Amino acid sequence: MYSDCDQTTDPDRRIRGCTQVIERGKREREKNRSTAHYNRGIAYGTKGDYDRAIADFNRTVEIDSKFANAYCNRGIVYANKDEFDNAIADFTRAIALDPKSVEAYYHRGIAYTRKDEFNRAIADFNTAIALVPKSADAYYHRGSAYLAKPDKEKAMADLRKALEIDPSFKDAKFLLELLPHLLKQD
């Protein structure tokens, strides 16, 4: 039961294992129930069952209001539902609980980008990059935000950096190849 709840390869098996832990109720330690809701929420999110994922993350933070990753993962689910204000609120809460949460800064930056709040997005990607300087994804998304502003020179520098870190990054390569055509239009 516990091993099924902790494994990550099969979301259905994980859901079954975590449900068994949760159904034990008060016979199970609170920490284990919180972790089971969290793990099941991740499994539901992986399957695209966002409402069930949110319900499990809600239960997780009811049990443990300082579980930063639960807020972050609930934020990711909200973002997948295009509920960016809820997502940003959860990422902000995760950051308040864990100021070094690269994932929360990174995903909040993406949410801000989706809301066309590019300066806020860039600030979050700056923090993510400061925390993990070899994050090709953070450079790519910051470059995309610069491109949308538009600041094509900074976009080009970030896309080049993303490709330097990960030469197989197809989206960065595509945008970098597209940029000279966009620069001609200016």
C-alpha atoms as a PDB file:
ATOM      1  CA  MET A   1       0.000   0.000   0.000  1.00  0.00           C
ATOM      2  CA  TYR A   2       2.700   2.547   0.994  1.00  0.00           C
ATOM      3  CA  SER A   3       5.042   1.510  -1.795  1.00  0.00           C
ATOM      4  CA  ASP A   4       2.228   1.905  -4.347  1.00  0.00           C
ATOM      5  CA  CYS A   5       1.442   5.381  -3.021  1.00  0.00           C
ATOM      6  CA  ASP A   6       5.095   6.448  -3.251  1.00  0.00           C
ATOM      7  CA  GLN A   7       5.905   5.034  -6.704  1.00  0.00           C
ATOM      8  CA  THR A   8       5.752   7.365  -9.697  1.00  0.00           C
ATOM      9  CA  THR A   9       5.633   5.157 -12.789  1.00  0.00           C
ATOM     10  CA  ASP A  10       1.952   4.130 -12.794  1.00  0.00           C
ATOM     11  CA  PRO A  11      -0.555   6.837 -11.803  1.00  0.00           C
ATOM     12  CA  ASP A  12      -3.452   4.373 -11.458  1.00  0.00           C
ATOM     13  CA  ARG A  13      -1.462   2.170  -9.096  1.00  0.00           C
ATOM     14  CA  ARG A  14      -0.406   5.270  -7.173  1.00  0.00           C
ATOM     15  CA  ILE A  15      -4.026   6.409  -6.857  1.00  0.00           C
ATOM     16  CA  ARG A  16      -5.082   2.988  -5.551  1.00  0.00           C
ATOM     17  CA  GLY A  17      -2.212   2.839  -3.044  1.00  0.00           C
ATOM     18  CA  CYS A  18      -2.779   6.380  -1.775  1.00  0.00           C
ATOM     19  CA  THR A  19      -6.535   5.810  -1.521  1.00  0.00           C
ATOM     20  CA  GLN A  20      -5.865   2.815   0.742  1.00  0.00           C
ATOM     21  CA  VAL A  21      -3.732   4.989   3.021  1.00  0.00           C
ATOM     22  CA  ILE A  22      -6.360   7.755   3.076  1.00  0.00           C
ATOM     23  CA  GLU A  23      -9.189   5.308   3.801  1.00  0.00           C
ATOM     24  CA  ARG A  24      -7.410   4.196   6.976  1.00  0.00           C
ATOM     25  CA  GLY A  25      -8.477   7.585   8.370  1.00  0.00           C
ATOM     26  CA  LYS A  26      -7.420   8.352  11.937  1.00  0.00           C
ATOM     27  CA  ARG A  27      -5.715   4.958  12.190  1.00  0.00           C
ATOM     28  CA  GLU A  28      -3.076   6.445   9.879  1.00  0.00           C
ATOM     29  CA  ARG A  29      -0.669   9.165  11.014  1.00  0.00           C
ATOM     30  CA  GLU A  30      -1.637  12.662   9.878  1.00  0.00           C
ATOM     31  CA  LYS A  31       1.672  13.097   8.015  1.00  0.00           C
ATOM     32  CA  ASN A  32       1.023   9.892   6.051  1.00  0.00           C
ATOM     33  CA  ARG A  33      -2.504  11.015   5.140  1.00  0.00           C
ATOM     34  CA  SER A  34      -1.192  14.401   4.013  1.00  0.00           C
ATOM     35  CA  THR A  35       1.491  12.743   1.883  1.00  0.00           C
ATOM     36  CA  ALA A  36      -1.066  10.300   0.452  1.00  0.00           C
ATOM     37  CA  HIS A  37      -3.366  13.155  -0.612  1.00  0.00           C
ATOM     38  CA  TYR A  38      -0.372  14.966  -2.103  1.00  0.00           C
ATOM     39  CA  ASN A  39       0.856  11.927  -4.037  1.00  0.00           C
ATOM     40  CA  ARG A  40      -2.647  11.096  -5.236  1.00  0.00           C
ATOM     41  CA  GLY A  41      -3.092  14.722  -6.329  1.00  0.00           C
ATOM     42  CA  ILE A  42       0.054  14.437  -8.427  1.00  0.00           C
ATOM     43  CA  ALA A  43      -1.243  11.205  -9.962  1.00  0.00           C
ATOM     44  CA  TYR A  44      -4.620  12.767 -10.777  1.00  0.00           C
ATOM     45  CA  GLY A  45      -2.838  15.790 -12.275  1.00  0.00           C
ATOM     46  CA  THR A  46      -0.690  13.485 -14.413  1.00  0.00           C
ATOM     47  CA  LYS A  47      -3.867  11.865 -15.723  1.00  0.00           C
ATOM     48  CA  GLY A  48      -5.451  15.280 -16.466  1.00  0.00           C
ATOM     49  CA  ASP A  49      -8.119  14.850 -13.774  1.00  0.00           C
ATOM     50  CA  TYR A  50      -7.550  18.364 -12.507  1.00  0.00           C
ATOM     51  CA  ASP A  51     -10.586  18.727 -10.254  1.00  0.00           C
ATOM     52  CA  ARG A  52      -9.664  15.611  -8.277  1.00  0.00           C
ATOM     53  CA  ALA A  53      -6.044  16.769  -8.145  1.00  0.00           C
ATOM     54  CA  ILE A  54      -7.125  20.131  -6.709  1.00  0.00           C
ATOM     55  CA  ALA A  55      -9.357  18.397  -4.167  1.00  0.00           C
ATOM     56  CA  ASP A  56      -6.436  16.283  -2.973  1.00  0.00           C
ATOM     57  CA  PHE A  57      -4.068  19.264  -2.802  1.00  0.00           C
ATOM     58  CA  ASN A  58      -6.770  21.157  -0.863  1.00  0.00           C
ATOM     59  CA  ARG A  59      -6.932  18.305   1.626  1.00  0.00           C
ATOM     60  CA  THR A  60      -3.130  18.222   1.828  1.00  0.00           C
ATOM     61  CA  VAL A  61      -2.893  21.879   2.845  1.00  0.00           C
ATOM     62  CA  GLU A  62      -5.821  21.503   5.258  1.00  0.00           C
ATOM     63  CA  ILE A  63      -3.762  18.878   7.073  1.00  0.00           C
ATOM     64  CA  ASP A  64      -0.405  20.646   6.648  1.00  0.00           C
ATOM     65  CA  SER A  65      -0.711  24.342   5.780  1.00  0.00           C
ATOM     66  CA  LYS A  66       3.090  24.654   5.424  1.00  0.00           C
ATOM     67  CA  PHE A  67       3.439  22.038   2.666  1.00  0.00           C
ATOM     68  CA  ALA A  68       4.995  24.338   0.027  1.00  0.00           C
ATOM     69  CA  ASN A  69       5.096  21.712  -2.733  1.00  0.00           C
ATOM     70  CA  ALA A  70       1.358  21.110  -2.363  1.00  0.00           C
ATOM     71  CA  TYR A  71       0.686  24.789  -3.113  1.00  0.00           C
ATOM     72  CA  CYS A  72       3.118  24.686  -6.021  1.00  0.00           C
ATOM     73  CA  ASN A  73       1.576  21.574  -7.543  1.00  0.00           C
ATOM     74  CA  ARG A  74      -1.953  22.890  -7.042  1.00  0.00           C
ATOM     75  CA  GLY A  75      -0.786  26.042  -8.820  1.00  0.00           C
ATOM     76  CA  ILE A  76       0.437  23.958 -11.751  1.00  0.00           C
ATOM     77  CA  VAL A  77      -2.964  22.285 -11.960  1.00  0.00           C
ATOM     78  CA  TYR A  78      -4.741  25.654 -11.835  1.00  0.00           C
ATOM     79  CA  ALA A  79      -2.460  26.892 -14.620  1.00  0.00           C
ATOM     80  CA  ASN A  80      -3.319  23.795 -16.668  1.00  0.00           C
ATOM     81  CA  LYS A  81      -6.971  24.833 -16.253  1.00  0.00           C
ATOM     82  CA  ASP A  82      -6.088  28.391 -17.375  1.00  0.00           C
ATOM     83  CA  GLU A  83      -6.973  29.693 -13.896  1.00  0.00           C
ATOM     84  CA  PHE A  84      -3.906  31.911 -13.730  1.00  0.00           C
ATOM     85  CA  ASP A  85      -4.940  34.096 -10.785  1.00  0.00           C
ATOM     86  CA  ASN A  86      -5.451  31.003  -8.614  1.00  0.00           C
ATOM     87  CA  ALA A  87      -2.187  29.561  -9.916  1.00  0.00           C
ATOM     88  CA  ILE A  88      -0.249  32.736  -9.134  1.00  0.00           C
ATOM     89  CA  ALA A  89      -1.745  32.874  -5.630  1.00  0.00           C
ATOM     90  CA  ASP A  90      -0.612  29.298  -4.979  1.00  0.00           C
ATOM     91  CA  PHE A  91       2.878  29.866  -6.396  1.00  0.00           C
ATOM     92  CA  THR A  92       3.173  32.989  -4.250  1.00  0.00           C
ATOM     93  CA  ARG A  93       2.158  31.006  -1.155  1.00  0.00           C
ATOM     94  CA  ALA A  94       4.697  28.285  -2.030  1.00  0.00           C
ATOM     95  CA  ILE A  95       7.416  30.942  -2.376  1.00  0.00           C
ATOM     96  CA  ALA A  96       6.465  32.479   0.990  1.00  0.00           C
ATOM     97  CA  LEU A  97       6.886  29.037   2.581  1.00  0.00           C
ATOM     98  CA  ASP A  98      10.016  28.128   0.595  1.00  0.00           C
ATOM     99  CA  PRO A  99      11.809  31.167  -0.876  1.00  0.00           C
ATOM    100  CA  LYS A 100      14.215  28.875  -2.753  1.00  0.00           C
ATOM    101  CA  SER A 101      11.463  27.012  -4.617  1.00  0.00           C
ATOM    102  CA  VAL A 102      12.778  27.254  -8.162  1.00  0.00           C
ATOM    103  CA  GLU A 103       9.727  25.404  -9.438  1.00  0.00           C
ATOM    104  CA  ALA A 104       7.340  27.953  -7.892  1.00  0.00           C
ATOM    105  CA  TYR A 105       9.216  30.934  -9.389  1.00  0.00           C
ATOM    106  CA  TYR A 106       9.470  29.202 -12.754  1.00  0.00           C
ATOM    107  CA  HIS A 107       5.789  28.266 -12.953  1.00  0.00           C
ATOM    108  CA  ARG A 108       4.635  31.632 -11.618  1.00  0.00           C
ATOM    109  CA  GLY A 109       6.726  33.217 -14.365  1.00  0.00           C
ATOM    110  CA  ILE A 110       4.914  31.114 -16.951  1.00  0.00           C
ATOM    111  CA  ALA A 111       1.543  32.076 -15.443  1.00  0.00           C
ATOM    112  CA  TYR A 112       2.481  35.776 -15.552  1.00  0.00           C
ATOM    113  CA  THR A 113       3.545  35.346 -19.177  1.00  0.00           C
ATOM    114  CA  ARG A 114       0.176  33.788 -20.004  1.00  0.00           C
ATOM    115  CA  LYS A 115      -1.450  36.880 -18.432  1.00  0.00           C
ATOM    116  CA  ASP A 116       0.787  39.185 -20.520  1.00  0.00           C
ATOM    117  CA  GLU A 117       2.487  40.458 -17.341  1.00  0.00           C
ATOM    118  CA  PHE A 118       5.938  40.188 -18.869  1.00  0.00           C
ATOM    119  CA  ASN A 119       7.920  42.278 -16.371  1.00  0.00           C
ATOM    120  CA  ARG A 120       6.665  40.127 -13.498  1.00  0.00           C
ATOM    121  CA  ALA A 121       7.388  36.991 -15.512  1.00  0.00           C
ATOM    122  CA  ILE A 122      10.925  38.142 -16.247  1.00  0.00           C
ATOM    123  CA  ALA A 123      11.512  38.927 -12.565  1.00  0.00           C
ATOM    124  CA  ASP A 124      10.456  35.388 -11.624  1.00  0.00           C
ATOM    125  CA  PHE A 125      12.621  33.819 -14.332  1.00  0.00           C
ATOM    126  CA  ASN A 126      15.532  35.974 -13.101  1.00  0.00           C
ATOM    127  CA  THR A 127      15.096  34.466  -9.645  1.00  0.00           C
ATOM    128  CA  ALA A 128      14.770  30.934 -11.024  1.00  0.00           C
ATOM    129  CA  ILE A 129      17.980  31.443 -13.024  1.00  0.00           C
ATOM    130  CA  ALA A 130      19.776  32.875  -9.987  1.00  0.00           C
ATOM    131  CA  LEU A 131      18.790  29.763  -8.023  1.00  0.00           C
ATOM    132  CA  VAL A 132      19.585  27.296 -10.846  1.00  0.00           C
ATOM    133  CA  PRO A 133      21.896  28.955 -13.394  1.00  0.00           C
ATOM    134  CA  LYS A 134      21.851  25.920 -15.714  1.00  0.00           C
ATOM    135  CA  SER A 135      18.072  25.945 -16.258  1.00  0.00           C
ATOM    136  CA  ALA A 136      17.601  25.941 -20.023  1.00  0.00           C
ATOM    137  CA  ASP A 137      13.830  26.083 -19.491  1.00  0.00           C
ATOM    138  CA  ALA A 138      14.050  29.266 -17.411  1.00  0.00           C
ATOM    139  CA  TYR A 139      16.241  30.954 -20.038  1.00  0.00           C
ATOM    140  CA  TYR A 140      13.859  29.833 -22.774  1.00  0.00           C
ATOM    141  CA  HIS A 141      10.783  31.173 -21.003  1.00  0.00           C
ATOM    142  CA  ARG A 142      12.497  34.414 -20.023  1.00  0.00           C
ATOM    143  CA  GLY A 143      13.542  34.767 -23.664  1.00  0.00           C
ATOM    144  CA  SER A 144       9.949  34.181 -24.724  1.00  0.00           C
ATOM    145  CA  ALA A 145       8.781  36.873 -22.299  1.00  0.00           C
ATOM    146  CA  TYR A 146      11.395  39.282 -23.658  1.00  0.00           C
ATOM    147  CA  LEU A 147      10.227  38.473 -27.180  1.00  0.00           C
ATOM    148  CA  ALA A 148       6.630  39.280 -26.230  1.00  0.00           C
ATOM    149  CA  LYS A 149       7.599  42.642 -24.636  1.00  0.00           C
ATOM    150  CA  PRO A 150       9.228  43.001 -27.340  1.00  0.00           C
ATOM    151  CA  ASP A 151      12.939  43.091 -26.517  1.00  0.00           C
ATOM    152  CA  LYS A 152      14.310  40.917 -29.276  1.00  0.00           C
ATOM    153  CA  GLU A 153      17.996  41.375 -28.390  1.00  0.00           C
ATOM    154  CA  LYS A 154      17.516  40.077 -24.848  1.00  0.00           C
ATOM    155  CA  ALA A 155      15.245  37.340 -26.209  1.00  0.00           C
ATOM    156  CA  MET A 156      17.997  36.254 -28.596  1.00  0.00           C
ATOM    157  CA  ALA A 157      20.608  36.201 -25.819  1.00  0.00           C
ATOM    158  CA  ASP A 158      18.382  34.041 -23.591  1.00  0.00           C
ATOM    159  CA  LEU A 159      17.474  31.637 -26.362  1.00  0.00           C
ATOM    160  CA  ARG A 160      21.151  31.246 -27.214  1.00  0.00           C
ATOM    161  CA  LYS A 161      21.902  30.569 -23.553  1.00  0.00           C
ATOM    162  CA  ALA A 162      19.129  27.954 -23.402  1.00  0.00           C
ATOM    163  CA  LEU A 163      20.674  26.221 -26.429  1.00  0.00           C
ATOM    164  CA  GLU A 164      24.158  26.473 -24.939  1.00  0.00           C
ATOM    165  CA  ILE A 165      22.875  24.659 -21.838  1.00  0.00           C
ATOM    166  CA  ASP A 166      20.793  22.152 -23.818  1.00  0.00           C
ATOM    167  CA  PRO A 167      21.738  21.914 -27.518  1.00  0.00           C
ATOM    168  CA  SER A 168      18.756  19.609 -28.154  1.00  0.00           C
ATOM    169  CA  PHE A 169      16.171  22.198 -26.990  1.00  0.00           C
ATOM    170  CA  LYS A 170      13.961  22.257 -30.115  1.00  0.00           C
ATOM    171  CA  ASP A 171      11.627  25.094 -29.088  1.00  0.00           C
ATOM    172  CA  ALA A 172      14.577  27.383 -28.296  1.00  0.00           C
ATOM    173  CA  LYS A 173      16.193  26.511 -31.603  1.00  0.00           C
ATOM    174  CA  PHE A 174      12.950  27.207 -33.477  1.00  0.00           C
ATOM    175  CA  LEU A 175      12.459  30.630 -31.858  1.00  0.00           C
ATOM    176  CA  LEU A 176      16.096  31.529 -32.381  1.00  0.00           C
ATOM    177  CA  GLU A 177      15.792  30.664 -36.076  1.00  0.00           C
ATOM    178  CA  LEU A 178      12.582  32.718 -36.281  1.00  0.00           C
ATOM    179  CA  LEU A 179      14.034  35.823 -34.585  1.00  0.00           C
ATOM    180  CA  PRO A 180      16.016  37.210 -37.561  1.00  0.00           C
ATOM    181  CA  HIS A 181      12.789  37.249 -39.576  1.00  0.00           C
ATOM    182  CA  LEU A 182      11.039  39.079 -36.773  1.00  0.00           C
ATOM    183  CA  LEU A 183      13.921  41.580 -36.512  1.00  0.00           C
ATOM    184  CA  LYS A 184      13.551  42.392 -40.226  1.00  0.00           C
ATOM    185  CA  GLN A 185       9.918  43.361 -39.614  1.00  0.00           C
ATOM    186  CA  ASP A 186      10.885  46.102 -37.157  1.00  0.00           C
END
